[in-house]
Every structure is written in structure tokens, then in C-alpha cells.
């Protein structure tokens, strides 16, 4: 059966239209490339969750920013202060330090050694425990020591007045220092001082006398041997016993390169025959192992306290 001409033409038109749609669907662009796929469940869920979120509080954001800014400002300020303190110490240059050295009983220590760490320079305290040390680097470190006491290292930090209290092993405490005279114990004077410590090197024709050396002189047997020798040879003077006098006699003497002694001096005495007895014990000592500087024996001034205690006599 033949179709009429209008119907046949319409069918051909529909067929061509369908063919074009198939070709466009196969080779043409995908609709999803230009249109948001709202119909996809995963994307739709994500958009719904984002729409439900509340907007970030602007005041909270401002607070966070302020905290961060404050933290950075504090960090910069602390770093600047530390840098400025270092510059102040360096720019101040060498200083002259004075002060006083005390024992744990708050009494001044004559003959205590004050040495500049890393350098062979130093000084000693006088009969009242006072000292003065010039041309000290503002960023240097002092080493304070005395026989029978704990040595302490004291940073200078540009200070011009440093006071030290040295502890003994039996004190069960550590040596301390301070840079203000507010806590300085009452200074004691000594009317029986026969000779003050000469801080300057002297030369009597046998070579220079050092006050600070690389290696100190040593008694045969060390400090234990020295203590034993003093305890076995010291005699308590009768006059001191009758007057109930006790205390420490501070002496200074020179140890020569052969270990012998000379220039025995009393820095601080207690009288009543104790000073003379202390000198006698020093003269009775055997020869010491001499001090050395640059590997060579040298003469050195040595300070030593001798204790007179009625309880041990």
C-alpha cells in the first residue's frame, strides 16, 4: 500500500530529525559540561550541608587576628630586649669591680683569690676581705676561691660591685654572690694586722712572684695531707686558752720554685700567741710541690687560714 505524498514526506522528515539527534547525542558535547548536575545525589547533599552552615562570626575572626598579632609583638619585643642587653654589656667595655668576700659565718676572708676566667689575671682580698679588680671585661666571669671553701664562678654582666659568700664543705650549702650591698654583713676590722696583702707582683731578685698561675702549688699528700699536718703539729697557746680566744689566723707566704717558703705574713690574726704559733707551723712544713706557669716552676704568693678551736685542743 502506497502512502500518500504528504505522509511520506513527514515520515522522512521525522527520520532525519531522529538521526540528527542520535548523531548529536553521540558526538556532541555533554550537557553536564555546561550545566551543574543538581540531580546527582552526592553533589546535592554537599550543597545542602554547605547551605545549612552558619556564616563565620566576624568578631571571632577579629579576635583570632588580634591574638596572633599580640603574640608576634611579644616575641619581637623579647628578642629586642635580649639583643639590647647584650649590646649594653659589650658597649660598656672594661669595668673596675670592687667588693668583699665573706665566709659562711658572715666574716670577711682575707687572702681570697679573685681570678678572671680564661685569663691569667687576678687579685686577692685584703685584711678586711675587700678587693678591687680593674679592666675586667663587662661580659667576663670571675672565679672566687679560698682554701677549704667552695669555689664559685660569678658572671660580671657589667656590674661594678660584686660580693661573695664562700661556703665550706661542712656548711651543707652552696657559695653565693650578690651585686647589691643591701645584704652585706657588718664589716669587721682587725687592729692586729701586721701587714696587708700586696696585690702587685714583687721581685726580690729571685724572679717574679705570681698571684694567679696555671697550676697551684701542692702540699705533699694534697689538702688532706695539709690538714693532717696542721692538726698534728698545731699547739694551742696557753694565753689564748686562758682568755678563751678562738678563731682563724690568715697568713700569706711565698712558695719558691724549690718548694721552700719565705715572706710569711699575718693578714689577719687573733692575738694571744696564736699568730706566732701559726707562723711556727708554716715554717715547720715540708717543702711543697711548686706552682707552674707555661710548664715551668714559678714563685707564687699563697694564702692559708689556720683554725684555732678550743673544742679541739
C-alpha atoms as a PDB file:
ATOM      1  CA  UNK A   1       0.000   0.000   0.000  1.00  0.00           C
ATOM      2  CA  UNK A   2       1.455   3.264  -1.053  1.00  0.00           C
ATOM      3  CA  UNK A   3       1.438   6.172   1.334  1.00  0.00           C
ATOM      4  CA  UNK A   4       0.258   9.490   0.294  1.00  0.00           C
ATOM      5  CA  UNK A   5       2.854  12.081  -0.581  1.00  0.00           C
ATOM      6  CA  UNK A   6       2.336  14.335   2.498  1.00  0.00           C
ATOM      7  CA  UNK A   7       2.545  11.391   4.895  1.00  0.00           C
ATOM      8  CA  UNK A   8       5.643  10.013   3.210  1.00  0.00           C
ATOM      9  CA  UNK A   9       7.350  13.372   3.385  1.00  0.00           C
ATOM     10  CA  UNK A  10       6.508  13.777   7.054  1.00  0.00           C
ATOM     11  CA  UNK A  11       7.976  10.325   7.881  1.00  0.00           C
ATOM     12  CA  UNK A  12      11.222  11.159   6.087  1.00  0.00           C
ATOM     13  CA  UNK A  13      11.372  14.449   7.997  1.00  0.00           C
ATOM     14  CA  UNK A  14      10.956  12.653  11.356  1.00  0.00           C
ATOM     15  CA  UNK A  15      13.574  10.070  10.411  1.00  0.00           C
ATOM     16  CA  UNK A  16      16.113  12.730   9.520  1.00  0.00           C
ATOM     17  CA  UNK A  17      15.364  14.569  12.770  1.00  0.00           C
ATOM     18  CA  UNK A  18      15.897  11.424  14.814  1.00  0.00           C
ATOM     19  CA  UNK A  19      19.168  10.727  13.004  1.00  0.00           C
ATOM     20  CA  UNK A  20      20.420  14.210  13.769  1.00  0.00           C
ATOM     21  CA  UNK A  21      19.561  13.816  17.450  1.00  0.00           C
ATOM     22  CA  UNK A  22      21.367  10.487  17.642  1.00  0.00           C
ATOM     23  CA  UNK A  23      24.439  11.952  15.967  1.00  0.00           C
ATOM     24  CA  UNK A  24      24.383  14.998  18.260  1.00  0.00           C
ATOM     25  CA  UNK A  25      24.000  12.810  21.345  1.00  0.00           C
ATOM     26  CA  UNK A  26      26.875  10.567  20.262  1.00  0.00           C
ATOM     27  CA  UNK A  27      29.394  13.114  19.089  1.00  0.00           C
ATOM     28  CA  UNK A  28      28.162  16.381  20.544  1.00  0.00           C
ATOM     29  CA  UNK A  29      29.041  17.998  23.946  1.00  0.00           C
ATOM     30  CA  UNK A  30      27.698  16.516  27.143  1.00  0.00           C
ATOM     31  CA  UNK A  31      25.050  18.553  28.930  1.00  0.00           C
ATOM     32  CA  UNK A  32      26.880  18.117  32.246  1.00  0.00           C
ATOM     33  CA  UNK A  33      29.865  20.019  30.881  1.00  0.00           C
ATOM     34  CA  UNK A  34      27.913  23.269  30.995  1.00  0.00           C
ATOM     35  CA  UNK A  35      25.145  22.567  33.495  1.00  0.00           C
ATOM     36  CA  UNK A  36      25.518  21.892  37.204  1.00  0.00           C
ATOM     37  CA  UNK A  37      24.315  18.371  37.811  1.00  0.00           C
ATOM     38  CA  UNK A  38      21.791  19.096  40.553  1.00  0.00           C
ATOM     39  CA  UNK A  39      20.244  15.693  40.025  1.00  0.00           C
ATOM     40  CA  UNK A  40      23.391  13.867  41.327  1.00  0.00           C
ATOM     41  CA  UNK A  41      22.873  12.757  44.933  1.00  0.00           C
ATOM     42  CA  UNK A  42      26.479  13.305  46.132  1.00  0.00           C
ATOM     43  CA  UNK A  43      26.709  16.889  44.860  1.00  0.00           C
ATOM     44  CA  UNK A  44      23.248  17.735  46.061  1.00  0.00           C
ATOM     45  CA  UNK A  45      23.987  16.507  49.588  1.00  0.00           C
ATOM     46  CA  UNK A  46      27.191  18.541  49.712  1.00  0.00           C
ATOM     47  CA  UNK A  47      25.420  21.730  48.631  1.00  0.00           C
ATOM     48  CA  UNK A  48      22.631  21.207  51.185  1.00  0.00           C
ATOM     49  CA  UNK A  49      25.185  20.789  54.010  1.00  0.00           C
ATOM     50  CA  UNK A  50      27.024  23.931  52.942  1.00  0.00           C
ATOM     51  CA  UNK A  51      23.786  25.915  52.864  1.00  0.00           C
ATOM     52  CA  UNK A  52      22.978  24.798  56.403  1.00  0.00           C
ATOM     53  CA  UNK A  53      26.315  26.047  57.808  1.00  0.00           C
ATOM     54  CA  UNK A  54      26.202  29.339  59.690  1.00  0.00           C
ATOM     55  CA  UNK A  55      28.290  32.228  58.462  1.00  0.00           C
ATOM     56  CA  UNK A  56      31.646  32.712  60.259  1.00  0.00           C
ATOM     57  CA  UNK A  57      31.426  35.318  63.004  1.00  0.00           C
ATOM     58  CA  UNK A  58      33.457  38.358  62.025  1.00  0.00           C
ATOM     59  CA  UNK A  59      34.163  39.205  65.648  1.00  0.00           C
ATOM     60  CA  UNK A  60      35.689  35.761  66.162  1.00  0.00           C
ATOM     61  CA  UNK A  61      37.936  36.276  63.169  1.00  0.00           C
ATOM     62  CA  UNK A  62      38.987  39.656  64.577  1.00  0.00           C
ATOM     63  CA  UNK A  63      39.828  38.064  67.943  1.00  0.00           C
ATOM     64  CA  UNK A  64      41.962  35.413  66.304  1.00  0.00           C
ATOM     65  CA  UNK A  65      43.829  38.042  64.351  1.00  0.00           C
ATOM     66  CA  UNK A  66      44.385  40.145  67.468  1.00  0.00           C
ATOM     67  CA  UNK A  67      45.822  37.165  69.409  1.00  0.00           C
ATOM     68  CA  UNK A  68      48.210  36.314  66.586  1.00  0.00           C
ATOM     69  CA  UNK A  69      49.325  39.949  66.304  1.00  0.00           C
ATOM     70  CA  UNK A  70      49.862  40.217  70.075  1.00  0.00           C
ATOM     71  CA  UNK A  71      51.920  37.006  70.166  1.00  0.00           C
ATOM     72  CA  UNK A  72      54.169  38.198  67.358  1.00  0.00           C
ATOM     73  CA  UNK A  73      54.604  41.591  69.042  1.00  0.00           C
ATOM     74  CA  UNK A  74      55.656  39.982  72.350  1.00  0.00           C
ATOM     75  CA  UNK A  75      58.145  37.738  70.547  1.00  0.00           C
ATOM     76  CA  UNK A  76      59.709  40.706  68.746  1.00  0.00           C
ATOM     77  CA  UNK A  77      59.838  42.727  71.994  1.00  0.00           C
ATOM     78  CA  UNK A  78      61.589  39.971  73.986  1.00  0.00           C
ATOM     79  CA  UNK A  79      64.112  39.388  71.205  1.00  0.00           C
ATOM     80  CA  UNK A  80      64.840  43.115  71.015  1.00  0.00           C
ATOM     81  CA  UNK A  81      65.335  43.358  74.796  1.00  0.00           C
ATOM     82  CA  UNK A  82      67.801  40.450  74.822  1.00  0.00           C
ATOM     83  CA  UNK A  83      69.718  41.936  71.921  1.00  0.00           C
ATOM     84  CA  UNK A  84      69.810  45.342  73.600  1.00  0.00           C
ATOM     85  CA  UNK A  85      71.071  43.876  76.895  1.00  0.00           C
ATOM     86  CA  UNK A  86      73.910  42.158  75.037  1.00  0.00           C
ATOM     87  CA  UNK A  87      74.770  45.404  73.269  1.00  0.00           C
ATOM     88  CA  UNK A  88      74.766  47.288  76.581  1.00  0.00           C
ATOM     89  CA  UNK A  89      77.269  44.844  78.101  1.00  0.00           C
ATOM     90  CA  UNK A  90      79.520  44.947  75.055  1.00  0.00           C
ATOM     91  CA  UNK A  91      79.358  48.712  74.642  1.00  0.00           C
ATOM     92  CA  UNK A  92      80.123  49.323  78.301  1.00  0.00           C
ATOM     93  CA  UNK A  93      83.627  47.940  77.861  1.00  0.00           C
ATOM     94  CA  UNK A  94      86.025  47.027  80.689  1.00  0.00           C
ATOM     95  CA  UNK A  95      84.880  47.835  84.212  1.00  0.00           C
ATOM     96  CA  UNK A  96      86.540  48.151  87.614  1.00  0.00           C
ATOM     97  CA  UNK A  97      84.958  45.805  90.142  1.00  0.00           C
ATOM     98  CA  UNK A  98      85.141  46.205  93.902  1.00  0.00           C
ATOM     99  CA  UNK A  99      83.517  44.246  96.679  1.00  0.00           C
ATOM    100  CA  UNK A 100      84.083  41.989  99.644  1.00  0.00           C
ATOM    101  CA  UNK A 101      84.427  38.238 100.198  1.00  0.00           C
ATOM    102  CA  UNK A 102      82.791  36.625 103.243  1.00  0.00           C
ATOM    103  CA  UNK A 103      82.779  33.207 104.818  1.00  0.00           C
ATOM    104  CA  UNK A 104      79.662  31.287 105.756  1.00  0.00           C
ATOM    105  CA  UNK A 105      79.891  32.893 109.220  1.00  0.00           C
ATOM    106  CA  UNK A 106      79.495  36.326 107.562  1.00  0.00           C
ATOM    107  CA  UNK A 107      83.051  37.314 108.466  1.00  0.00           C
ATOM    108  CA  UNK A 108      85.391  38.771 105.831  1.00  0.00           C
ATOM    109  CA  UNK A 109      88.001  36.427 104.351  1.00  0.00           C
ATOM    110  CA  UNK A 110      91.480  37.920 103.884  1.00  0.00           C
ATOM    111  CA  UNK A 111      93.556  36.467 101.077  1.00  0.00           C
ATOM    112  CA  UNK A 112      90.676  35.104  98.983  1.00  0.00           C
ATOM    113  CA  UNK A 113      91.565  34.782  95.312  1.00  0.00           C
ATOM    114  CA  UNK A 114      89.603  36.522  92.550  1.00  0.00           C
ATOM    115  CA  UNK A 115      90.625  35.360  89.091  1.00  0.00           C
ATOM    116  CA  UNK A 116      89.359  36.254  85.631  1.00  0.00           C
ATOM    117  CA  UNK A 117      88.225  33.072  83.904  1.00  0.00           C
ATOM    118  CA  UNK A 118      90.205  32.192  80.810  1.00  0.00           C
ATOM    119  CA  UNK A 119      92.957  34.715  81.553  1.00  0.00           C
ATOM    120  CA  UNK A 120      95.926  34.573  83.894  1.00  0.00           C
ATOM    121  CA  UNK A 121      94.912  37.718  85.745  1.00  0.00           C
ATOM    122  CA  UNK A 122      93.564  38.135  89.214  1.00  0.00           C
ATOM    123  CA  UNK A 123      93.803  39.753  92.624  1.00  0.00           C
ATOM    124  CA  UNK A 124      93.270  38.922  96.295  1.00  0.00           C
ATOM    125  CA  UNK A 125      91.335  40.396  99.203  1.00  0.00           C
ATOM    126  CA  UNK A 126      92.992  42.453 101.919  1.00  0.00           C
ATOM    127  CA  UNK A 127      92.732  42.004 105.684  1.00  0.00           C
ATOM    128  CA  UNK A 128      89.094  43.146 105.656  1.00  0.00           C
ATOM    129  CA  UNK A 129      88.124  40.827 102.820  1.00  0.00           C
ATOM    130  CA  UNK A 130      87.881  43.701 100.358  1.00  0.00           C
ATOM    131  CA  UNK A 131      89.190  43.722  96.803  1.00  0.00           C
ATOM    132  CA  UNK A 132      89.366  45.849  93.696  1.00  0.00           C
ATOM    133  CA  UNK A 133      89.846  44.408  90.214  1.00  0.00           C
ATOM    134  CA  UNK A 134      90.360  46.793  87.274  1.00  0.00           C
ATOM    135  CA  UNK A 135      90.000  46.406  83.485  1.00  0.00           C
ATOM    136  CA  UNK A 136      87.619  43.452  83.746  1.00  0.00           C
ATOM    137  CA  UNK A 137      85.585  42.664  80.592  1.00  0.00           C
ATOM    138  CA  UNK A 138      81.935  43.539  81.161  1.00  0.00           C
ATOM    139  CA  UNK A 139      80.904  40.117  79.857  1.00  0.00           C
ATOM    140  CA  UNK A 140      83.636  38.202  81.699  1.00  0.00           C
ATOM    141  CA  UNK A 141      83.418  35.694  84.556  1.00  0.00           C
ATOM    142  CA  UNK A 142      85.180  35.831  87.930  1.00  0.00           C
ATOM    143  CA  UNK A 143      86.407  32.731  89.752  1.00  0.00           C
ATOM    144  CA  UNK A 144      86.431  33.282  93.520  1.00  0.00           C
ATOM    145  CA  UNK A 145      88.217  30.735  95.683  1.00  0.00           C
ATOM    146  CA  UNK A 146      89.849  30.219  99.037  1.00  0.00           C
ATOM    147  CA  UNK A 147      91.480  27.264 100.759  1.00  0.00           C
ATOM    148  CA  UNK A 148      88.904  24.997 102.380  1.00  0.00           C
ATOM    149  CA  UNK A 149      85.945  26.729 100.707  1.00  0.00           C
ATOM    150  CA  UNK A 150      83.801  26.019  97.691  1.00  0.00           C
ATOM    151  CA  UNK A 151      84.913  27.835  94.546  1.00  0.00           C
ATOM    152  CA  UNK A 152      82.270  29.858  92.716  1.00  0.00           C
ATOM    153  CA  UNK A 153      82.060  31.369  89.237  1.00  0.00           C
ATOM    154  CA  UNK A 154      80.444  34.813  89.107  1.00  0.00           C
ATOM    155  CA  UNK A 155      79.311  36.422  85.805  1.00  0.00           C
ATOM    156  CA  UNK A 156      80.250  40.101  85.658  1.00  0.00           C
ATOM    157  CA  UNK A 157      77.376  41.306  83.444  1.00  0.00           C
ATOM    158  CA  UNK A 158      78.716  44.864  83.575  1.00  0.00           C
ATOM    159  CA  UNK A 159      78.392  45.092  87.380  1.00  0.00           C
ATOM    160  CA  UNK A 160      80.884  47.218  89.320  1.00  0.00           C
ATOM    161  CA  UNK A 161      80.181  45.888  92.840  1.00  0.00           C
ATOM    162  CA  UNK A 162      80.138  42.129  93.473  1.00  0.00           C
ATOM    163  CA  UNK A 163      80.053  40.478  96.894  1.00  0.00           C
ATOM    164  CA  UNK A 164      80.573  36.786  97.535  1.00  0.00           C
ATOM    165  CA  UNK A 165      79.892  34.429 100.430  1.00  0.00           C
ATOM    166  CA  UNK A 166      82.027  31.284 100.211  1.00  0.00           C
ATOM    167  CA  UNK A 167      80.687  28.116 101.811  1.00  0.00           C
ATOM    168  CA  UNK A 168      82.691  25.332 103.437  1.00  0.00           C
ATOM    169  CA  UNK A 169      82.055  21.621 102.789  1.00  0.00           C
ATOM    170  CA  UNK A 170      80.582  21.235 106.286  1.00  0.00           C
ATOM    171  CA  UNK A 171      78.061  24.058 105.788  1.00  0.00           C
ATOM    172  CA  UNK A 172      75.689  21.946 103.658  1.00  0.00           C
ATOM    173  CA  UNK A 173      75.034  24.962 101.445  1.00  0.00           C
ATOM    174  CA  UNK A 174      76.426  26.442  98.259  1.00  0.00           C
ATOM    175  CA  UNK A 175      78.544  29.538  97.770  1.00  0.00           C
ATOM    176  CA  UNK A 176      76.509  32.575  96.706  1.00  0.00           C
ATOM    177  CA  UNK A 177      77.043  36.082  95.369  1.00  0.00           C
ATOM    178  CA  UNK A 178      75.077  39.301  95.025  1.00  0.00           C
ATOM    179  CA  UNK A 179      75.575  42.670  93.349  1.00  0.00           C
ATOM    180  CA  UNK A 180      73.896  44.926  95.925  1.00  0.00           C
ATOM    181  CA  UNK A 181      75.350  45.933  99.270  1.00  0.00           C
ATOM    182  CA  UNK A 182      71.954  45.662 100.975  1.00  0.00           C
ATOM    183  CA  UNK A 183      72.800  42.224 102.404  1.00  0.00           C
ATOM    184  CA  UNK A 184      76.429  42.829 103.256  1.00  0.00           C
ATOM    185  CA  UNK A 185      77.191  41.730 106.821  1.00  0.00           C
ATOM    186  CA  UNK A 186      78.707  44.288 109.163  1.00  0.00           C
ATOM    187  CA  UNK A 187      82.352  44.710 108.253  1.00  0.00           C
ATOM    188  CA  UNK A 188      84.884  43.762 110.856  1.00  0.00           C
ATOM    189  CA  UNK A 189      88.274  45.413 111.216  1.00  0.00           C
ATOM    190  CA  UNK A 190      91.486  43.965 112.559  1.00  0.00           C
ATOM    191  CA  UNK A 191      93.671  46.040 114.869  1.00  0.00           C
ATOM    192  CA  UNK A 192      96.374  43.361 114.990  1.00  0.00           C
ATOM    193  CA  UNK A 193      97.121  43.378 111.252  1.00  0.00           C
ATOM    194  CA  UNK A 194     100.904  43.476 110.835  1.00  0.00           C
ATOM    195  CA  UNK A 195     100.981  43.539 107.072  1.00  0.00           C
ATOM    196  CA  UNK A 196      98.373  43.843 104.335  1.00  0.00           C
ATOM    197  CA  UNK A 197      98.401  41.721 101.229  1.00  0.00           C
ATOM    198  CA  UNK A 198     100.453  43.299  98.447  1.00  0.00           C
ATOM    199  CA  UNK A 199      98.406  42.830  95.302  1.00  0.00           C
ATOM    200  CA  UNK A 200     101.184  43.830  92.901  1.00  0.00           C
ATOM    201  CA  UNK A 201     103.812  41.338  91.780  1.00  0.00           C
ATOM    202  CA  UNK A 202     107.135  41.885  93.520  1.00  0.00           C
ATOM    203  CA  UNK A 203     110.653  40.777  92.651  1.00  0.00           C
ATOM    204  CA  UNK A 204     113.353  40.300  95.256  1.00  0.00           C
ATOM    205  CA  UNK A 205     115.975  39.177  92.775  1.00  0.00           C
ATOM    206  CA  UNK A 206     114.804  35.569  92.527  1.00  0.00           C
ATOM    207  CA  UNK A 207     112.094  36.069  89.930  1.00  0.00           C
ATOM    208  CA  UNK A 208     108.578  37.387  89.698  1.00  0.00           C
ATOM    209  CA  UNK A 209     106.028  36.392  92.320  1.00  0.00           C
ATOM    210  CA  UNK A 210     102.679  35.400  90.819  1.00  0.00           C
ATOM    211  CA  UNK A 211      99.271  35.639  92.440  1.00  0.00           C
ATOM    212  CA  UNK A 212      97.471  33.612  89.744  1.00  0.00           C
ATOM    213  CA  UNK A 213      99.070  30.640  88.000  1.00  0.00           C
ATOM    214  CA  UNK A 214      98.030  27.835  85.696  1.00  0.00           C
ATOM    215  CA  UNK A 215      98.738  25.152  88.312  1.00  0.00           C
ATOM    216  CA  UNK A 216      98.743  25.950  92.027  1.00  0.00           C
ATOM    217  CA  UNK A 217     101.382  24.656  94.439  1.00  0.00           C
ATOM    218  CA  UNK A 218     100.552  21.436  96.277  1.00  0.00           C
ATOM    219  CA  UNK A 219     101.362  20.173  99.763  1.00  0.00           C
ATOM    220  CA  UNK A 220     102.739  16.607  99.874  1.00  0.00           C
ATOM    221  CA  UNK A 221      99.611  14.492 100.163  1.00  0.00           C
ATOM    222  CA  UNK A 222      97.293  17.210  98.917  1.00  0.00           C
ATOM    223  CA  UNK A 223      94.779  19.110 101.030  1.00  0.00           C
ATOM    224  CA  UNK A 224      94.128  16.052 103.170  1.00  0.00           C
ATOM    225  CA  UNK A 225      97.830  15.849 103.981  1.00  0.00           C
ATOM    226  CA  UNK A 226      97.960  19.574 104.767  1.00  0.00           C
ATOM    227  CA  UNK A 227      95.004  19.319 107.171  1.00  0.00           C
ATOM    228  CA  UNK A 228      96.524  16.308 108.888  1.00  0.00           C
ATOM    229  CA  UNK A 229      99.886  18.062 109.277  1.00  0.00           C
ATOM    230  CA  UNK A 230      98.314  21.168 110.848  1.00  0.00           C
ATOM    231  CA  UNK A 231      96.175  19.128 113.252  1.00  0.00           C
ATOM    232  CA  UNK A 232      99.169  17.064 114.386  1.00  0.00           C
ATOM    233  CA  UNK A 233     101.588  19.971 114.820  1.00  0.00           C
ATOM    234  CA  UNK A 234      99.449  22.882 115.997  1.00  0.00           C
ATOM    235  CA  UNK A 235      99.729  23.734 119.708  1.00  0.00           C
ATOM    236  CA  UNK A 236      97.074  25.898 121.281  1.00  0.00           C
ATOM    237  CA  UNK A 237      98.783  28.844 123.072  1.00  0.00           C
ATOM    238  CA  UNK A 238      98.220  28.954 126.828  1.00  0.00           C
ATOM    239  CA  UNK A 239      97.375  32.658 126.715  1.00  0.00           C
ATOM    240  CA  UNK A 240      94.635  32.008 124.164  1.00  0.00           C
ATOM    241  CA  UNK A 241      93.269  29.158 126.263  1.00  0.00           C
ATOM    242  CA  UNK A 242      93.138  31.275 129.413  1.00  0.00           C
ATOM    243  CA  UNK A 243      91.362  34.081 127.524  1.00  0.00           C
ATOM    244  CA  UNK A 244      89.040  31.626 125.744  1.00  0.00           C
ATOM    245  CA  UNK A 245      90.155  33.045 122.404  1.00  0.00           C
ATOM    246  CA  UNK A 246      89.404  31.094 119.245  1.00  0.00           C
ATOM    247  CA  UNK A 247      89.190  31.879 115.555  1.00  0.00           C
ATOM    248  CA  UNK A 248      91.228  31.706 112.383  1.00  0.00           C
ATOM    249  CA  UNK A 249      94.590  33.226 111.615  1.00  0.00           C
ATOM    250  CA  UNK A 250      95.030  34.191 107.968  1.00  0.00           C
ATOM    251  CA  UNK A 251      98.556  34.008 106.609  1.00  0.00           C
ATOM    252  CA  UNK A 252     100.262  34.787 103.340  1.00  0.00           C
ATOM    253  CA  UNK A 253     103.617  33.401 102.232  1.00  0.00           C
ATOM    254  CA  UNK A 254     105.650  32.865  99.093  1.00  0.00           C
ATOM    255  CA  UNK A 255     106.348  29.360  97.824  1.00  0.00           C
ATOM    256  CA  UNK A 256     109.573  29.353  95.822  1.00  0.00           C
ATOM    257  CA  UNK A 257     110.409  27.272  92.788  1.00  0.00           C
ATOM    258  CA  UNK A 258     112.127  24.701  95.028  1.00  0.00           C
ATOM    259  CA  UNK A 259     109.070  24.414  97.312  1.00  0.00           C
ATOM    260  CA  UNK A 260     110.586  26.393 100.218  1.00  0.00           C
ATOM    261  CA  UNK A 261     108.887  29.353 101.979  1.00  0.00           C
ATOM    262  CA  UNK A 262     109.636  32.990 102.528  1.00  0.00           C
ATOM    263  CA  UNK A 263     107.881  36.285 103.308  1.00  0.00           C
ATOM    264  CA  UNK A 264     105.481  34.754 105.829  1.00  0.00           C
ATOM    265  CA  UNK A 265     102.974  37.448 106.806  1.00  0.00           C
ATOM    266  CA  UNK A 266      99.914  37.678 109.036  1.00  0.00           C
ATOM    267  CA  UNK A 267      96.938  39.030 107.103  1.00  0.00           C
ATOM    268  CA  UNK A 268      94.535  38.791 109.991  1.00  0.00           C
ATOM    269  CA  UNK A 269      95.325  37.449 113.437  1.00  0.00           C
ATOM    270  CA  UNK A 270      93.574  36.813 116.736  1.00  0.00           C
ATOM    271  CA  UNK A 271      96.482  37.573 119.072  1.00  0.00           C
ATOM    272  CA  UNK A 272      97.274  35.846 122.391  1.00  0.00           C
ATOM    273  CA  UNK A 273     100.133  33.912 120.842  1.00  0.00           C
ATOM    274  CA  UNK A 274      98.022  32.316 118.088  1.00  0.00           C
ATOM    275  CA  UNK A 275      99.630  34.367 115.324  1.00  0.00           C
ATOM    276  CA  UNK A 276     103.141  33.314 116.346  1.00  0.00           C
ATOM    277  CA  UNK A 277     102.043  29.669 116.593  1.00  0.00           C
ATOM    278  CA  UNK A 278     100.593  29.795 113.081  1.00  0.00           C
ATOM    279  CA  UNK A 279     103.888  31.149 111.716  1.00  0.00           C
ATOM    280  CA  UNK A 280     105.791  28.389 113.537  1.00  0.00           C
ATOM    281  CA  UNK A 281     103.609  25.706 111.911  1.00  0.00           C
ATOM    282  CA  UNK A 282     104.186  27.203 108.473  1.00  0.00           C
ATOM    283  CA  UNK A 283     107.940  27.180 108.966  1.00  0.00           C
ATOM    284  CA  UNK A 284     107.790  23.553 110.118  1.00  0.00           C
ATOM    285  CA  UNK A 285     106.083  22.379 106.934  1.00  0.00           C
ATOM    286  CA  UNK A 286     107.955  20.216 104.429  1.00  0.00           C
ATOM    287  CA  UNK A 287     108.637  21.636 101.007  1.00  0.00           C
ATOM    288  CA  UNK A 288     105.660  21.915  98.679  1.00  0.00           C
ATOM    289  CA  UNK A 289     105.418  20.957  95.044  1.00  0.00           C
ATOM    290  CA  UNK A 290     105.943  24.354  93.348  1.00  0.00           C
ATOM    291  CA  UNK A 291     103.428  26.128  91.128  1.00  0.00           C
ATOM    292  CA  UNK A 292     103.884  26.071  87.378  1.00  0.00           C
ATOM    293  CA  UNK A 293     103.229  28.609  84.637  1.00  0.00           C
ATOM    294  CA  UNK A 294     103.645  27.600  80.981  1.00  0.00           C
ATOM    295  CA  UNK A 295     105.031  24.306  82.225  1.00  0.00           C
ATOM    296  CA  UNK A 296     107.831  25.949  84.261  1.00  0.00           C
ATOM    297  CA  UNK A 297     108.126  26.242  88.078  1.00  0.00           C
ATOM    298  CA  UNK A 298     107.406  29.758  89.328  1.00  0.00           C
ATOM    299  CA  UNK A 299     107.185  31.570  92.646  1.00  0.00           C
ATOM    300  CA  UNK A 300     103.670  32.227  93.879  1.00  0.00           C
ATOM    301  CA  UNK A 301     102.020  34.003  96.788  1.00  0.00           C
ATOM    302  CA  UNK A 302      99.810  31.609  98.729  1.00  0.00           C
ATOM    303  CA  UNK A 303      97.126  32.386 101.312  1.00  0.00           C
ATOM    304  CA  UNK A 304      96.243  29.938 104.075  1.00  0.00           C
ATOM    305  CA  UNK A 305      93.935  30.058 107.126  1.00  0.00           C
ATOM    306  CA  UNK A 306      94.800  28.151 110.310  1.00  0.00           C
ATOM    307  CA  UNK A 307      91.916  27.458 112.648  1.00  0.00           C
ATOM    308  CA  UNK A 308      92.231  27.663 116.465  1.00  0.00           C
ATOM    309  CA  UNK A 309      89.314  25.925 118.127  1.00  0.00           C
ATOM    310  CA  UNK A 310      89.187  25.358 121.868  1.00  0.00           C
ATOM    311  CA  UNK A 311      86.907  22.354 121.419  1.00  0.00           C
ATOM    312  CA  UNK A 312      89.623  20.520 119.501  1.00  0.00           C
ATOM    313  CA  UNK A 313      92.510  21.470 121.815  1.00  0.00           C
END
